[in-house]
N, C-alpha and C. Protein backbone atom coordinates (compact mmCIF):
# COMPACT_ATOMS: atom_id res chain seq x y z
N MET A 1 -63.04 -67.95 -58.49
CA MET A 1 -61.88 -68.73 -58.94
C MET A 1 -61.81 -68.76 -60.47
N ARG A 2 -63.03 -68.97 -61.07
CA ARG A 2 -63.08 -69.03 -62.52
C ARG A 2 -62.69 -67.67 -63.12
N THR A 3 -63.16 -66.59 -62.49
CA THR A 3 -62.83 -65.25 -62.96
C THR A 3 -61.33 -65.02 -62.89
N LYS A 4 -60.73 -65.49 -61.79
CA LYS A 4 -59.28 -65.33 -61.62
C LYS A 4 -58.53 -66.10 -62.71
N SER A 5 -59.02 -67.33 -62.99
CA SER A 5 -58.37 -68.15 -64.02
C SER A 5 -58.45 -67.48 -65.39
N LEU A 6 -59.65 -66.92 -65.69
CA LEU A 6 -59.82 -66.22 -66.96
C LEU A 6 -58.91 -65.01 -67.05
N SER A 7 -58.77 -64.31 -65.93
CA SER A 7 -57.89 -63.14 -65.91
C SER A 7 -56.46 -63.54 -66.20
N ILE A 8 -56.04 -64.65 -65.59
CA ILE A 8 -54.67 -65.15 -65.81
C ILE A 8 -54.49 -65.56 -67.27
N LEU A 9 -55.54 -66.23 -67.83
CA LEU A 9 -55.48 -66.67 -69.22
C LEU A 9 -55.35 -65.48 -70.17
N PHE A 10 -56.20 -64.46 -69.97
CA PHE A 10 -56.14 -63.27 -70.82
C PHE A 10 -54.80 -62.56 -70.68
N ALA A 11 -54.29 -62.52 -69.46
CA ALA A 11 -53.00 -61.87 -69.24
C ALA A 11 -51.90 -62.62 -69.99
N ALA A 12 -51.97 -63.95 -69.94
CA ALA A 12 -50.98 -64.77 -70.64
C ALA A 12 -51.07 -64.55 -72.15
N LEU A 13 -52.30 -64.52 -72.67
CA LEU A 13 -52.50 -64.29 -74.11
C LEU A 13 -51.97 -62.93 -74.52
N PHE A 14 -52.18 -61.94 -73.69
CA PHE A 14 -51.70 -60.58 -73.95
C PHE A 14 -50.18 -60.57 -74.05
N VAL A 15 -49.55 -61.28 -73.11
CA VAL A 15 -48.08 -61.34 -73.11
C VAL A 15 -47.57 -62.05 -74.36
N ILE A 16 -48.24 -63.17 -74.71
CA ILE A 16 -47.82 -63.92 -75.91
C ILE A 16 -48.00 -63.06 -77.17
N ALA A 17 -49.16 -62.40 -77.26
CA ALA A 17 -49.41 -61.54 -78.42
C ALA A 17 -48.37 -60.44 -78.51
N GLY A 18 -48.02 -59.88 -77.37
CA GLY A 18 -47.01 -58.83 -77.33
C GLY A 18 -45.66 -59.34 -77.78
N ALA A 19 -45.34 -60.56 -77.35
CA ALA A 19 -44.05 -61.16 -77.73
C ALA A 19 -44.00 -61.41 -79.22
N VAL A 20 -45.13 -61.93 -79.78
CA VAL A 20 -45.17 -62.19 -81.22
C VAL A 20 -45.02 -60.90 -82.00
N PHE A 21 -45.73 -59.87 -81.55
CA PHE A 21 -45.66 -58.57 -82.22
C PHE A 21 -44.25 -58.01 -82.16
N ALA A 22 -43.64 -58.12 -80.98
CA ALA A 22 -42.28 -57.59 -80.82
C ALA A 22 -41.30 -58.33 -81.70
N THR A 23 -41.47 -59.68 -81.78
CA THR A 23 -40.58 -60.47 -82.63
C THR A 23 -40.73 -60.04 -84.08
N GLY A 24 -42.00 -59.83 -84.50
CA GLY A 24 -42.23 -59.38 -85.87
C GLY A 24 -41.58 -58.03 -86.12
N ALA A 25 -41.66 -57.15 -85.14
CA ALA A 25 -41.07 -55.82 -85.29
C ALA A 25 -39.56 -55.91 -85.40
N ARG A 26 -38.97 -56.81 -84.60
CA ARG A 26 -37.52 -56.97 -84.65
C ARG A 26 -37.10 -57.54 -86.00
N ALA A 27 -37.87 -58.55 -86.45
CA ALA A 27 -37.54 -59.16 -87.74
C ALA A 27 -37.61 -58.12 -88.85
N GLU A 28 -38.63 -57.30 -88.78
CA GLU A 28 -38.82 -56.24 -89.77
C GLU A 28 -37.64 -55.28 -89.76
N GLY A 29 -37.14 -55.01 -88.55
CA GLY A 29 -36.08 -54.03 -88.41
C GLY A 29 -34.69 -54.58 -88.60
N GLU A 30 -34.57 -55.89 -88.85
CA GLU A 30 -33.25 -56.49 -88.97
C GLU A 30 -32.53 -56.06 -90.25
N VAL A 31 -33.30 -55.72 -91.28
CA VAL A 31 -32.69 -55.31 -92.55
C VAL A 31 -32.67 -53.78 -92.60
N PRO A 32 -31.49 -53.19 -92.52
CA PRO A 32 -31.41 -51.72 -92.58
C PRO A 32 -31.81 -51.21 -93.96
N ALA A 33 -32.14 -49.96 -94.02
CA ALA A 33 -32.46 -49.34 -95.32
C ALA A 33 -31.20 -49.34 -96.18
N PRO A 34 -31.35 -49.48 -97.49
CA PRO A 34 -30.17 -49.44 -98.37
C PRO A 34 -29.55 -48.06 -98.38
N PRO A 35 -28.28 -47.96 -98.73
CA PRO A 35 -27.63 -46.65 -98.85
C PRO A 35 -28.35 -45.79 -99.90
N ALA A 36 -28.29 -44.50 -99.72
CA ALA A 36 -28.91 -43.59 -100.69
C ALA A 36 -28.11 -43.60 -101.99
N ILE A 37 -28.81 -43.38 -103.09
CA ILE A 37 -28.11 -43.22 -104.37
C ILE A 37 -27.12 -42.07 -104.23
N GLY A 38 -25.89 -42.31 -104.67
CA GLY A 38 -24.85 -41.30 -104.53
C GLY A 38 -23.93 -41.54 -103.35
N ALA A 39 -24.34 -42.46 -102.45
CA ALA A 39 -23.50 -42.79 -101.30
C ALA A 39 -22.30 -43.60 -101.75
N THR A 40 -21.19 -43.45 -101.04
CA THR A 40 -19.99 -44.23 -101.35
C THR A 40 -20.01 -45.52 -100.52
N ILE A 41 -19.82 -46.64 -101.20
CA ILE A 41 -19.81 -47.94 -100.55
C ILE A 41 -18.37 -48.28 -100.15
N GLU A 42 -18.17 -48.51 -98.88
CA GLU A 42 -16.82 -48.80 -98.38
C GLU A 42 -16.35 -50.17 -98.88
N ASP A 43 -15.04 -50.30 -98.99
CA ASP A 43 -14.46 -51.57 -99.39
C ASP A 43 -14.81 -52.64 -98.36
N PHE A 44 -14.96 -53.87 -98.83
CA PHE A 44 -15.24 -54.99 -97.92
C PHE A 44 -14.52 -56.22 -98.43
N THR A 45 -14.39 -57.21 -97.56
CA THR A 45 -13.73 -58.46 -97.93
C THR A 45 -14.63 -59.63 -97.55
N LEU A 46 -14.81 -60.56 -98.49
CA LEU A 46 -15.61 -61.76 -98.25
C LEU A 46 -14.86 -62.96 -98.83
N PRO A 47 -15.12 -64.16 -98.32
CA PRO A 47 -14.50 -65.35 -98.89
C PRO A 47 -15.20 -65.77 -100.18
N ASP A 48 -14.40 -66.26 -101.14
CA ASP A 48 -15.01 -66.81 -102.35
C ASP A 48 -15.37 -68.28 -102.11
N VAL A 49 -15.79 -68.99 -103.14
CA VAL A 49 -16.25 -70.36 -102.95
C VAL A 49 -15.11 -71.32 -102.60
N ASP A 50 -13.87 -70.87 -102.75
CA ASP A 50 -12.71 -71.67 -102.34
C ASP A 50 -12.14 -71.17 -101.02
N ASN A 51 -12.94 -70.36 -100.33
CA ASN A 51 -12.57 -69.81 -99.01
C ASN A 51 -11.36 -68.89 -99.06
N LYS A 52 -11.13 -68.28 -100.21
CA LYS A 52 -10.06 -67.30 -100.34
C LYS A 52 -10.67 -65.91 -100.19
N ASP A 53 -10.10 -65.09 -99.31
CA ASP A 53 -10.63 -63.75 -99.09
C ASP A 53 -10.44 -62.88 -100.32
N ARG A 54 -11.52 -62.22 -100.72
CA ARG A 54 -11.47 -61.33 -101.88
C ARG A 54 -12.09 -59.99 -101.47
N SER A 55 -11.40 -58.92 -101.78
CA SER A 55 -11.92 -57.59 -101.45
C SER A 55 -12.66 -57.00 -102.64
N LEU A 56 -13.57 -56.10 -102.36
CA LEU A 56 -14.25 -55.38 -103.44
C LEU A 56 -13.22 -54.66 -104.30
N LYS A 57 -12.25 -54.05 -103.67
CA LYS A 57 -11.22 -53.29 -104.39
C LYS A 57 -10.47 -54.18 -105.38
N SER A 58 -10.17 -55.41 -104.97
CA SER A 58 -9.38 -56.31 -105.83
C SER A 58 -10.19 -56.83 -107.03
N LEU A 59 -11.51 -56.83 -106.91
CA LEU A 59 -12.36 -57.38 -107.96
C LEU A 59 -13.05 -56.30 -108.82
N ALA A 60 -13.00 -55.07 -108.36
CA ALA A 60 -13.73 -53.99 -109.03
C ALA A 60 -13.22 -53.74 -110.45
N GLY A 61 -14.12 -53.29 -111.30
CA GLY A 61 -13.74 -52.92 -112.66
C GLY A 61 -13.25 -51.48 -112.69
N LYS A 62 -12.46 -51.15 -113.69
CA LYS A 62 -11.91 -49.78 -113.76
C LYS A 62 -13.01 -48.74 -114.00
N ASN A 63 -14.14 -49.18 -114.59
CA ASN A 63 -15.24 -48.26 -114.86
C ASN A 63 -16.46 -48.51 -113.97
N GLY A 64 -16.31 -49.41 -113.04
CA GLY A 64 -17.43 -49.66 -112.13
C GLY A 64 -17.61 -51.14 -111.82
N THR A 65 -18.55 -51.40 -110.92
CA THR A 65 -18.77 -52.76 -110.44
C THR A 65 -20.26 -52.99 -110.21
N VAL A 66 -20.73 -54.16 -110.60
CA VAL A 66 -22.11 -54.56 -110.31
C VAL A 66 -22.07 -55.65 -109.24
N LEU A 67 -22.76 -55.43 -108.15
CA LEU A 67 -22.92 -56.45 -107.11
C LEU A 67 -24.29 -57.08 -107.31
N LEU A 68 -24.31 -58.40 -107.45
CA LEU A 68 -25.57 -59.12 -107.64
C LEU A 68 -25.77 -60.10 -106.50
N PHE A 69 -26.82 -59.92 -105.73
CA PHE A 69 -27.15 -60.88 -104.69
C PHE A 69 -27.89 -62.04 -105.35
N VAL A 70 -27.32 -63.24 -105.21
CA VAL A 70 -27.81 -64.41 -105.93
C VAL A 70 -28.07 -65.56 -104.96
N ALA A 71 -28.69 -66.61 -105.48
CA ALA A 71 -29.01 -67.78 -104.65
C ALA A 71 -28.83 -69.05 -105.45
N VAL A 72 -28.73 -70.16 -104.73
CA VAL A 72 -28.63 -71.47 -105.36
C VAL A 72 -30.02 -72.03 -105.65
N GLN A 73 -30.91 -71.93 -104.69
CA GLN A 73 -32.21 -72.60 -104.79
C GLN A 73 -33.36 -71.71 -105.24
N CYS A 74 -33.16 -70.41 -105.29
CA CYS A 74 -34.25 -69.51 -105.65
C CYS A 74 -34.60 -69.61 -107.14
N PRO A 75 -35.85 -69.96 -107.48
CA PRO A 75 -36.21 -70.08 -108.91
C PRO A 75 -36.13 -68.75 -109.66
N VAL A 76 -36.35 -67.65 -108.97
CA VAL A 76 -36.27 -66.35 -109.65
C VAL A 76 -34.82 -66.03 -109.99
N SER A 77 -33.93 -66.20 -109.01
CA SER A 77 -32.50 -65.98 -109.26
C SER A 77 -32.02 -66.90 -110.38
N ASN A 78 -32.46 -68.16 -110.34
CA ASN A 78 -32.04 -69.12 -111.37
C ASN A 78 -32.57 -68.76 -112.75
N ALA A 79 -33.72 -68.10 -112.80
CA ALA A 79 -34.26 -67.66 -114.10
C ALA A 79 -33.37 -66.60 -114.73
N TYR A 80 -32.53 -65.97 -113.91
CA TYR A 80 -31.64 -64.90 -114.40
C TYR A 80 -30.21 -65.39 -114.65
N ASN A 81 -29.92 -66.66 -114.45
CA ASN A 81 -28.54 -67.13 -114.56
C ASN A 81 -27.90 -66.76 -115.90
N GLU A 82 -28.59 -67.07 -117.00
CA GLU A 82 -28.02 -66.76 -118.32
C GLU A 82 -27.87 -65.26 -118.53
N ARG A 83 -28.85 -64.50 -118.08
CA ARG A 83 -28.78 -63.04 -118.24
C ARG A 83 -27.65 -62.45 -117.40
N MET A 84 -27.44 -62.99 -116.22
CA MET A 84 -26.36 -62.47 -115.36
C MET A 84 -25.00 -62.80 -115.98
N GLU A 85 -24.86 -63.99 -116.52
CA GLU A 85 -23.61 -64.37 -117.16
C GLU A 85 -23.35 -63.52 -118.40
N LYS A 86 -24.41 -63.28 -119.18
CA LYS A 86 -24.26 -62.44 -120.38
C LYS A 86 -23.90 -61.01 -119.99
N LEU A 87 -24.50 -60.52 -118.93
CA LEU A 87 -24.19 -59.18 -118.43
C LEU A 87 -22.71 -59.08 -118.08
N ALA A 88 -22.21 -60.09 -117.35
CA ALA A 88 -20.81 -60.10 -116.95
C ALA A 88 -19.89 -60.12 -118.17
N ALA A 89 -20.24 -60.94 -119.15
CA ALA A 89 -19.40 -61.05 -120.36
C ALA A 89 -19.45 -59.76 -121.18
N ASP A 90 -20.63 -59.20 -121.35
CA ASP A 90 -20.79 -58.00 -122.17
C ASP A 90 -20.05 -56.79 -121.61
N TYR A 91 -20.05 -56.66 -120.29
CA TYR A 91 -19.49 -55.45 -119.69
C TYR A 91 -18.06 -55.60 -119.18
N LYS A 92 -17.56 -56.82 -119.16
CA LYS A 92 -16.17 -57.02 -118.75
C LYS A 92 -15.22 -56.25 -119.67
N ALA A 93 -15.49 -56.33 -120.97
CA ALA A 93 -14.65 -55.65 -121.96
C ALA A 93 -14.79 -54.13 -121.86
N LYS A 94 -15.85 -53.68 -121.23
CA LYS A 94 -16.08 -52.24 -121.08
C LYS A 94 -15.61 -51.72 -119.72
N GLY A 95 -14.94 -52.60 -118.97
CA GLY A 95 -14.35 -52.16 -117.70
C GLY A 95 -15.28 -52.19 -116.51
N ILE A 96 -16.40 -52.89 -116.64
CA ILE A 96 -17.32 -53.04 -115.49
C ILE A 96 -17.32 -54.50 -115.06
N ALA A 97 -17.00 -54.73 -113.80
CA ALA A 97 -16.93 -56.09 -113.27
C ALA A 97 -18.26 -56.47 -112.63
N VAL A 98 -18.60 -57.74 -112.70
CA VAL A 98 -19.79 -58.28 -112.04
C VAL A 98 -19.33 -59.22 -110.93
N ILE A 99 -19.87 -59.01 -109.74
CA ILE A 99 -19.54 -59.85 -108.58
C ILE A 99 -20.84 -60.38 -107.99
N GLY A 100 -20.94 -61.69 -107.84
CA GLY A 100 -22.10 -62.28 -107.18
C GLY A 100 -21.85 -62.37 -105.68
N ILE A 101 -22.90 -62.24 -104.91
CA ILE A 101 -22.82 -62.39 -103.46
C ILE A 101 -23.96 -63.31 -103.02
N ASN A 102 -23.61 -64.38 -102.31
CA ASN A 102 -24.63 -65.28 -101.77
C ASN A 102 -24.67 -65.10 -100.25
N SER A 103 -25.80 -64.59 -99.76
CA SER A 103 -25.95 -64.31 -98.33
C SER A 103 -26.87 -65.30 -97.62
N ASN A 104 -27.34 -66.31 -98.34
CA ASN A 104 -28.26 -67.29 -97.75
C ASN A 104 -27.53 -68.21 -96.77
N VAL A 105 -28.00 -68.24 -95.55
CA VAL A 105 -27.31 -68.99 -94.49
C VAL A 105 -27.25 -70.49 -94.78
N ALA A 106 -28.27 -71.04 -95.46
CA ALA A 106 -28.33 -72.49 -95.68
C ALA A 106 -27.58 -72.94 -96.94
N GLU A 107 -27.04 -72.01 -97.71
CA GLU A 107 -26.33 -72.37 -98.93
C GLU A 107 -24.83 -72.17 -98.72
N ASP A 108 -24.12 -73.29 -98.49
CA ASP A 108 -22.70 -73.16 -98.18
C ASP A 108 -21.85 -72.98 -99.43
N ALA A 109 -20.57 -72.73 -99.22
CA ALA A 109 -19.66 -72.44 -100.33
C ALA A 109 -19.61 -73.57 -101.35
N ALA A 110 -19.67 -74.82 -100.87
CA ALA A 110 -19.62 -75.97 -101.79
C ALA A 110 -20.84 -75.98 -102.70
N ALA A 111 -22.00 -75.67 -102.15
CA ALA A 111 -23.23 -75.64 -102.95
C ALA A 111 -23.18 -74.49 -103.96
N VAL A 112 -22.65 -73.36 -103.53
CA VAL A 112 -22.54 -72.20 -104.43
C VAL A 112 -21.57 -72.51 -105.57
N LYS A 113 -20.47 -73.15 -105.25
CA LYS A 113 -19.46 -73.50 -106.27
C LYS A 113 -20.03 -74.50 -107.28
N ALA A 114 -20.73 -75.52 -106.78
CA ALA A 114 -21.33 -76.52 -107.67
C ALA A 114 -22.40 -75.89 -108.56
N HIS A 115 -23.19 -74.99 -107.99
CA HIS A 115 -24.25 -74.32 -108.73
C HIS A 115 -23.66 -73.45 -109.84
N ALA A 116 -22.59 -72.73 -109.52
CA ALA A 116 -21.93 -71.86 -110.52
C ALA A 116 -21.37 -72.69 -111.67
N ALA A 117 -20.78 -73.83 -111.34
CA ALA A 117 -20.22 -74.71 -112.38
C ALA A 117 -21.33 -75.28 -113.25
N GLU A 118 -22.41 -75.71 -112.61
CA GLU A 118 -23.53 -76.30 -113.36
C GLU A 118 -24.15 -75.31 -114.33
N HIS A 119 -24.25 -74.06 -113.91
CA HIS A 119 -24.91 -73.05 -114.73
C HIS A 119 -23.92 -72.16 -115.50
N LYS A 120 -22.65 -72.57 -115.47
CA LYS A 120 -21.60 -71.87 -116.24
C LYS A 120 -21.52 -70.39 -115.91
N LEU A 121 -21.53 -70.09 -114.61
CA LEU A 121 -21.39 -68.70 -114.16
C LEU A 121 -19.90 -68.44 -113.94
N SER A 122 -19.33 -67.58 -114.77
CA SER A 122 -17.88 -67.36 -114.72
C SER A 122 -17.47 -66.21 -113.81
N PHE A 123 -18.41 -65.34 -113.46
CA PHE A 123 -18.05 -64.22 -112.59
C PHE A 123 -17.87 -64.70 -111.15
N PRO A 124 -17.03 -64.02 -110.37
CA PRO A 124 -16.79 -64.47 -109.00
C PRO A 124 -18.04 -64.37 -108.14
N ILE A 125 -18.24 -65.37 -107.31
CA ILE A 125 -19.36 -65.35 -106.36
C ILE A 125 -18.78 -65.51 -104.96
N LEU A 126 -19.12 -64.58 -104.09
CA LEU A 126 -18.60 -64.56 -102.73
C LEU A 126 -19.67 -65.01 -101.75
N LYS A 127 -19.25 -65.63 -100.66
CA LYS A 127 -20.16 -65.98 -99.57
C LYS A 127 -20.15 -64.84 -98.55
N ASP A 128 -21.32 -64.58 -98.01
CA ASP A 128 -21.50 -63.47 -97.07
C ASP A 128 -21.91 -64.02 -95.70
N PRO A 129 -20.94 -64.52 -94.93
CA PRO A 129 -21.27 -65.12 -93.63
C PRO A 129 -21.96 -64.12 -92.71
N GLY A 130 -23.07 -64.58 -92.11
CA GLY A 130 -23.80 -63.70 -91.20
C GLY A 130 -24.49 -62.56 -91.92
N ASN A 131 -24.62 -62.65 -93.25
CA ASN A 131 -25.25 -61.64 -94.10
C ASN A 131 -24.84 -60.20 -93.78
N LYS A 132 -23.56 -60.02 -93.49
CA LYS A 132 -23.05 -58.69 -93.11
C LYS A 132 -23.19 -57.68 -94.25
N ILE A 133 -22.82 -58.12 -95.47
CA ILE A 133 -22.87 -57.17 -96.59
C ILE A 133 -24.31 -56.98 -97.06
N ALA A 134 -25.12 -58.03 -96.99
CA ALA A 134 -26.54 -57.88 -97.31
C ALA A 134 -27.17 -56.85 -96.38
N ASP A 135 -26.80 -56.91 -95.10
CA ASP A 135 -27.32 -55.94 -94.13
C ASP A 135 -26.79 -54.54 -94.42
N LYS A 136 -25.52 -54.48 -94.73
CA LYS A 136 -24.89 -53.18 -95.00
C LYS A 136 -25.53 -52.48 -96.20
N LEU A 137 -25.91 -53.27 -97.19
CA LEU A 137 -26.50 -52.70 -98.41
C LEU A 137 -28.03 -52.73 -98.40
N GLY A 138 -28.61 -53.31 -97.35
CA GLY A 138 -30.06 -53.37 -97.28
C GLY A 138 -30.68 -54.30 -98.32
N ALA A 139 -29.93 -55.31 -98.74
CA ALA A 139 -30.44 -56.26 -99.74
C ALA A 139 -31.47 -57.18 -99.10
N THR A 140 -32.56 -57.44 -99.80
CA THR A 140 -33.62 -58.27 -99.24
C THR A 140 -33.98 -59.49 -100.09
N VAL A 141 -33.69 -59.45 -101.40
CA VAL A 141 -34.12 -60.55 -102.26
C VAL A 141 -33.00 -60.98 -103.22
N THR A 142 -33.24 -62.13 -103.87
CA THR A 142 -32.36 -62.58 -104.94
C THR A 142 -33.21 -62.78 -106.19
N PRO A 143 -32.78 -62.19 -107.32
CA PRO A 143 -31.59 -61.36 -107.49
C PRO A 143 -31.87 -59.89 -107.13
N GLU A 144 -30.83 -59.21 -106.68
CA GLU A 144 -30.91 -57.77 -106.40
C GLU A 144 -29.58 -57.16 -106.80
N ALA A 145 -29.62 -56.05 -107.52
CA ALA A 145 -28.42 -55.47 -108.13
C ALA A 145 -28.07 -54.11 -107.55
N TYR A 146 -26.75 -53.88 -107.45
CA TYR A 146 -26.20 -52.58 -107.04
C TYR A 146 -25.09 -52.24 -108.01
N PHE A 147 -25.17 -51.08 -108.63
CA PHE A 147 -24.13 -50.63 -109.55
C PHE A 147 -23.34 -49.50 -108.91
N LEU A 148 -22.03 -49.74 -108.78
CA LEU A 148 -21.13 -48.74 -108.21
C LEU A 148 -20.23 -48.20 -109.32
N ASP A 149 -19.99 -46.90 -109.32
CA ASP A 149 -19.09 -46.35 -110.34
C ASP A 149 -17.64 -46.61 -109.96
N ALA A 150 -16.72 -46.05 -110.69
CA ALA A 150 -15.29 -46.30 -110.47
C ALA A 150 -14.81 -45.86 -109.09
N ASN A 151 -15.56 -44.96 -108.46
CA ASN A 151 -15.21 -44.49 -107.12
C ASN A 151 -16.09 -45.12 -106.04
N ASN A 152 -16.76 -46.22 -106.40
CA ASN A 152 -17.65 -46.95 -105.48
C ASN A 152 -18.86 -46.14 -105.04
N LYS A 153 -19.25 -45.18 -105.87
CA LYS A 153 -20.46 -44.41 -105.58
C LYS A 153 -21.66 -45.17 -106.14
N LEU A 154 -22.71 -45.32 -105.34
CA LEU A 154 -23.88 -46.07 -105.75
C LEU A 154 -24.67 -45.30 -106.81
N MET A 155 -24.78 -45.88 -108.00
CA MET A 155 -25.44 -45.23 -109.13
C MET A 155 -26.83 -45.80 -109.41
N TYR A 156 -27.01 -47.09 -109.09
CA TYR A 156 -28.28 -47.75 -109.36
C TYR A 156 -28.48 -48.87 -108.35
N HIS A 157 -29.73 -49.08 -107.95
CA HIS A 157 -30.07 -50.16 -107.04
C HIS A 157 -31.45 -50.71 -107.41
N GLY A 158 -31.54 -52.04 -107.51
CA GLY A 158 -32.85 -52.64 -107.74
C GLY A 158 -32.81 -53.88 -108.60
N ARG A 159 -33.82 -54.00 -109.44
CA ARG A 159 -33.97 -55.19 -110.28
C ARG A 159 -32.99 -55.15 -111.46
N ILE A 160 -32.78 -56.31 -112.05
CA ILE A 160 -31.96 -56.40 -113.26
C ILE A 160 -32.78 -55.89 -114.45
N ASP A 161 -34.00 -56.38 -114.57
CA ASP A 161 -34.94 -55.91 -115.57
C ASP A 161 -36.35 -56.14 -115.03
N ASN A 162 -37.36 -56.01 -115.87
CA ASN A 162 -38.73 -56.01 -115.35
C ASN A 162 -39.42 -57.36 -115.34
N SER A 163 -38.79 -58.42 -115.85
CA SER A 163 -39.50 -59.70 -115.93
C SER A 163 -38.62 -60.91 -115.68
N ARG A 164 -39.14 -61.82 -114.86
CA ARG A 164 -38.47 -63.11 -114.65
C ARG A 164 -38.35 -63.87 -115.96
N ASN A 165 -39.35 -63.71 -116.83
CA ASN A 165 -39.35 -64.36 -118.14
C ASN A 165 -38.57 -63.50 -119.14
N ALA A 166 -37.45 -64.01 -119.61
CA ALA A 166 -36.58 -63.23 -120.50
C ALA A 166 -37.31 -62.77 -121.76
N ALA A 167 -38.30 -63.53 -122.20
CA ALA A 167 -39.03 -63.17 -123.43
C ALA A 167 -39.96 -61.99 -123.21
N GLN A 168 -40.20 -61.63 -121.94
CA GLN A 168 -41.15 -60.55 -121.65
C GLN A 168 -40.46 -59.28 -121.12
N VAL A 169 -39.15 -59.22 -121.27
CA VAL A 169 -38.42 -58.05 -120.77
C VAL A 169 -38.72 -56.83 -121.64
N GLU A 170 -39.15 -55.78 -121.01
CA GLU A 170 -39.44 -54.52 -121.70
C GLU A 170 -38.57 -53.37 -121.20
N SER A 171 -37.96 -53.57 -120.02
CA SER A 171 -37.15 -52.50 -119.43
C SER A 171 -35.90 -53.09 -118.80
N SER A 172 -34.76 -52.92 -119.47
CA SER A 172 -33.49 -53.45 -118.96
C SER A 172 -32.83 -52.39 -118.07
N ASP A 173 -33.38 -52.24 -116.88
CA ASP A 173 -33.01 -51.12 -116.01
C ASP A 173 -31.52 -51.09 -115.66
N LEU A 174 -30.96 -52.24 -115.30
CA LEU A 174 -29.55 -52.27 -114.92
C LEU A 174 -28.65 -51.95 -116.11
N ARG A 175 -28.90 -52.57 -117.25
CA ARG A 175 -28.10 -52.29 -118.44
C ARG A 175 -28.21 -50.82 -118.85
N ASN A 176 -29.41 -50.27 -118.73
CA ASN A 176 -29.58 -48.85 -119.07
C ASN A 176 -28.71 -47.97 -118.19
N ALA A 177 -28.63 -48.31 -116.90
CA ALA A 177 -27.81 -47.55 -115.97
C ALA A 177 -26.33 -47.67 -116.33
N LEU A 178 -25.90 -48.88 -116.66
CA LEU A 178 -24.49 -49.10 -117.02
C LEU A 178 -24.15 -48.33 -118.30
N ASP A 179 -25.01 -48.40 -119.29
CA ASP A 179 -24.75 -47.72 -120.55
C ASP A 179 -24.70 -46.21 -120.39
N SER A 180 -25.58 -45.68 -119.55
CA SER A 180 -25.58 -44.23 -119.30
C SER A 180 -24.27 -43.81 -118.65
N ALA A 181 -23.84 -44.58 -117.65
CA ALA A 181 -22.61 -44.24 -116.95
C ALA A 181 -21.40 -44.31 -117.88
N LEU A 182 -21.36 -45.34 -118.73
CA LEU A 182 -20.25 -45.50 -119.66
C LEU A 182 -20.21 -44.37 -120.69
N ALA A 183 -21.38 -43.83 -121.01
CA ALA A 183 -21.46 -42.72 -121.97
C ALA A 183 -21.35 -41.36 -121.29
N ALA A 184 -21.02 -41.39 -119.99
CA ALA A 184 -20.89 -40.16 -119.19
C ALA A 184 -22.20 -39.36 -119.17
N LYS A 185 -23.31 -40.09 -119.20
CA LYS A 185 -24.62 -39.46 -119.11
C LYS A 185 -25.22 -39.70 -117.73
N THR A 186 -26.19 -38.90 -117.37
CA THR A 186 -26.87 -39.08 -116.09
C THR A 186 -27.71 -40.35 -116.13
N VAL A 187 -27.63 -41.15 -115.07
CA VAL A 187 -28.48 -42.34 -114.95
C VAL A 187 -29.88 -41.84 -114.58
N GLU A 188 -30.80 -41.97 -115.53
CA GLU A 188 -32.13 -41.40 -115.31
C GLU A 188 -32.95 -42.20 -114.30
N LYS A 189 -32.89 -43.51 -114.40
CA LYS A 189 -33.64 -44.36 -113.48
C LYS A 189 -32.66 -45.00 -112.52
N THR A 190 -32.55 -44.44 -111.33
CA THR A 190 -31.54 -44.89 -110.37
C THR A 190 -32.03 -46.02 -109.46
N GLU A 191 -33.34 -46.22 -109.42
CA GLU A 191 -33.90 -47.28 -108.57
C GLU A 191 -35.10 -47.92 -109.25
N ALA A 192 -35.21 -49.22 -109.10
CA ALA A 192 -36.37 -49.97 -109.56
C ALA A 192 -36.50 -51.17 -108.63
N LYS A 193 -37.62 -51.32 -107.99
CA LYS A 193 -37.78 -52.32 -106.92
C LYS A 193 -37.41 -53.72 -107.38
N ALA A 194 -36.51 -54.34 -106.64
CA ALA A 194 -36.09 -55.71 -106.95
C ALA A 194 -37.19 -56.69 -106.52
N PHE A 195 -37.25 -57.82 -107.20
CA PHE A 195 -38.22 -58.87 -106.84
C PHE A 195 -37.51 -60.20 -106.89
N GLY A 196 -38.00 -61.17 -106.10
CA GLY A 196 -37.38 -62.48 -106.07
C GLY A 196 -37.64 -63.17 -104.76
N CYS A 197 -36.74 -64.08 -104.38
CA CYS A 197 -36.87 -64.82 -103.12
C CYS A 197 -36.17 -64.04 -102.00
N SER A 198 -36.77 -64.07 -100.82
CA SER A 198 -36.15 -63.35 -99.71
C SER A 198 -34.82 -63.99 -99.33
N ILE A 199 -33.85 -63.17 -98.98
CA ILE A 199 -32.56 -63.67 -98.52
C ILE A 199 -32.75 -64.33 -97.16
N LYS A 200 -32.28 -65.57 -97.04
CA LYS A 200 -32.44 -66.33 -95.79
C LYS A 200 -31.30 -65.99 -94.85
N ARG A 201 -31.59 -65.05 -93.95
CA ARG A 201 -30.57 -64.51 -93.06
C ARG A 201 -30.25 -65.42 -91.89
N ALA A 202 -29.05 -65.24 -91.35
CA ALA A 202 -28.62 -66.00 -90.18
C ALA A 202 -29.42 -65.54 -88.97
């Protein structure tokens, strides 16, 4: 009887372990790989913080667009608030638009709007219900940047720069990509791994 009970116990543990492993595998596989550099990103529409639908096409810059996945509560994303705003201001005059995207399920439009006002973020920030665009682009953290050229071709993907601490920045990867594209030069560094808080998916 005891042997039978132990057998049942081990069988149950095996099933539970298998379920945990499978869940982990599914979670791992929920985020698709990002598009390859050079891929064309299709137009999409998301609501802004006032629940008005905005398309990528309507917000894009004539010389390109930067998509920035951002967050309200992430300390890493918040460490970049001033840099992201400066980026938007510096490149607006050069025909490159900056668009923020918040894909965190627990951060609603009201929180995103209040956060943008508090930190004086003037670029549009869109909500991504069900993290559809985060999934489409394979975004995993905040902040994470995607630079699209005038034809929505992906030119750069990854971090904004190399350090959360603005005083320790040694490599402005995103700006370098934008400057190269504006000068009609090849973007030498097309990818640099993004770091930050994980996007809290639905």
